[in-house]
Protein backbone atom coordinates (compact mmCIF):
# COMPACT_ATOMS: atom_id res chain seq x y z
CA MET A 1 -151.88 46.83 84.16
CA LEU A 2 -152.36 49.69 87.09
CA SER A 3 -152.10 53.57 85.81
CA VAL A 4 -151.93 56.35 88.31
CA ASP A 5 -153.49 59.54 87.77
CA ASN A 6 -150.67 62.05 87.77
CA ASN A 7 -152.58 64.60 88.61
CA GLY A 8 -154.53 63.32 91.76
CA ASP A 9 -153.21 59.78 93.47
CA ASN A 10 -149.82 61.62 93.63
CA LYS A 11 -150.09 64.71 94.49
CA GLU A 12 -152.15 63.73 97.43
CA ASN A 13 -149.81 60.80 98.24
CA ASN A 14 -146.91 63.34 98.25
CA SER A 15 -148.94 65.66 100.20
CA ILE A 16 -149.44 63.25 102.66
CA LYS A 17 -145.46 62.38 102.52
CA GLU A 18 -144.43 66.02 102.90
CA LEU A 19 -147.09 66.19 106.26
CA THR A 20 -145.31 62.90 107.54
CA GLU A 21 -142.24 64.53 107.29
CA ALA A 22 -143.43 67.50 108.73
CA LEU A 23 -144.97 66.11 111.62
CA LYS A 24 -141.70 63.67 112.26
CA GLU A 25 -139.81 66.80 112.65
CA ALA A 26 -141.99 68.57 115.06
CA SER A 27 -142.58 65.71 117.13
CA LYS A 28 -138.70 66.01 116.83
CA CYS A 29 -138.12 69.57 118.02
CA ILE A 30 -140.99 69.05 120.61
CA CYS A 31 -138.87 66.24 122.42
CA GLU A 32 -135.65 68.27 122.87
CA LEU A 33 -137.80 71.33 123.72
CA GLN A 34 -139.33 69.33 126.45
CA ALA A 35 -135.88 67.80 127.54
CA LYS A 36 -134.26 71.26 128.02
CA VAL A 37 -137.65 72.09 130.24
CA GLU A 38 -136.76 69.36 132.53
CA HIS A 39 -132.89 70.39 132.65
CA LEU A 40 -133.92 74.17 133.60
CA GLU A 41 -136.80 72.68 135.94
CA SER A 42 -133.99 70.74 138.24
CA TYR A 43 -131.65 73.97 137.33
CA ILE A 44 -133.59 75.79 138.93
CA LYS A 45 -134.47 73.38 142.09
CA THR A 46 -130.79 73.14 142.56
CA ILE A 47 -130.06 77.12 142.42
CA ASP A 48 -133.46 77.78 144.44
CA TYR A 49 -132.05 75.24 146.60
CA ASN A 50 -128.58 76.92 146.99
CA ILE A 51 -130.48 80.44 147.32
CA GLN A 52 -132.02 78.65 150.84
CA GLU A 53 -128.90 77.86 151.72
CA ILE A 54 -127.42 81.28 151.62
CA GLU A 55 -130.26 82.79 153.39
CA SER A 56 -130.19 80.46 156.21
CA ALA A 57 -126.32 81.24 156.68
CA VAL A 58 -126.69 85.10 155.95
CA PHE A 59 -130.05 85.42 158.39
CA PRO A 60 -130.18 82.38 160.71
CA ASN A 61 -133.09 83.93 162.65
CA ALA A 62 -134.93 85.74 159.90
CA ASN A 63 -138.93 84.98 160.35
CA ASP A 64 -139.77 86.16 156.96
CA GLU A 65 -143.32 86.00 157.24
CA TYR A 66 -144.29 85.71 153.62
CA ASP A 67 -141.69 81.92 153.12
CA ASP A 68 -144.11 81.31 156.75
CA ASN A 69 -147.62 82.02 155.22
CA PHE A 70 -146.78 80.23 151.99
CA CYS A 71 -148.48 76.78 151.26
CA ASP A 72 -147.00 73.78 151.65
CA GLU A 73 -147.89 72.81 148.24
CA ILE A 74 -147.31 75.62 145.16
CA PRO A 75 -150.62 76.96 144.32
CA ILE A 76 -151.89 76.37 141.12
CA VAL A 77 -152.91 79.48 139.01
CA GLU A 78 -155.19 79.56 135.31
CA CYS A 79 -155.07 82.41 132.98
CA PRO A 80 -158.75 83.52 132.69
CA LYS A 81 -157.98 83.80 128.86
CA CYS A 82 -156.26 81.06 127.68
CA GLY A 83 -157.00 78.16 130.05
CA ALA A 84 -153.20 77.48 130.82
CA LYS A 85 -152.26 76.57 134.24
CA PHE A 86 -148.81 77.50 135.69
CA GLN A 87 -147.40 77.25 139.15
CA LEU A 88 -146.68 80.30 141.05
CA ILE A 89 -143.49 81.04 142.88
CA GLN A 90 -142.44 83.11 145.84
CA THR A 91 -141.71 85.82 144.30
CA ASP A 92 -145.12 86.13 141.63
CA ASP A 93 -147.22 88.99 142.94
CA PRO A 94 -150.36 87.55 143.25
CA ASP A 95 -151.75 91.19 142.47
CA ASN A 96 -150.05 91.25 138.97
CA LEU A 97 -149.41 87.93 137.51
CA GLU A 98 -148.59 87.85 133.48
CA CYS A 99 -149.47 84.49 131.72
CA PRO A 100 -146.75 82.60 130.44
CA MET A 101 -148.39 81.27 127.47
CA CYS A 102 -150.71 84.44 126.48
CA GLY A 103 -149.27 87.03 128.05
CA THR A 104 -152.37 88.07 129.57
CA GLN A 105 -151.90 90.35 133.31
CA PHE A 106 -154.59 89.15 136.03
CA LYS A 107 -154.55 89.44 139.46
CA VAL A 108 -155.19 86.13 142.14
CA GLU A 109 -157.23 86.47 144.91
CA PHE A 110 -156.25 83.63 147.61
CA SER A 111 -159.18 82.07 150.01
CA ASP A 112 -158.35 81.46 153.37
CA PRO A 113 -158.42 77.57 153.58
CA GLU A 114 -160.20 77.55 157.37
CA GLU A 115 -163.35 78.81 155.94
C-alpha cells in the first residue's frame, strides 16, 4: 500500500498545481494584452494615415522640414536605465524622452549618417 505524507508531498503538489494555474492565468492575460496592443497599433496607423491625408488636403504646398529630414526608418531608442527599446515617433522630442517602461527621462543625440 502506498502512503502519502500529508505534510510534505501534498503541500508541494498543491503548491505546484496552484503555481501552474497562476501561470496559465498570467499567460492568458498576456495573450489578451498582446491582442489589444496589436489592435491599438493598427488603430494608430489608421489615425496617422488619416492625419496625413488631412494635412495634405489642408496644406497642399507645405514644406515640413522635420518630416523631410526624418529618417525613412523609424529610429529605435534604448533606455539607458532599464534597457527597454522603443521606437521614436515624429512628435517625440529627442531632448526630452521618457522611457515607457521605467519612466526615466533622457536625451538622444543622433549622428549624421554621412559621417
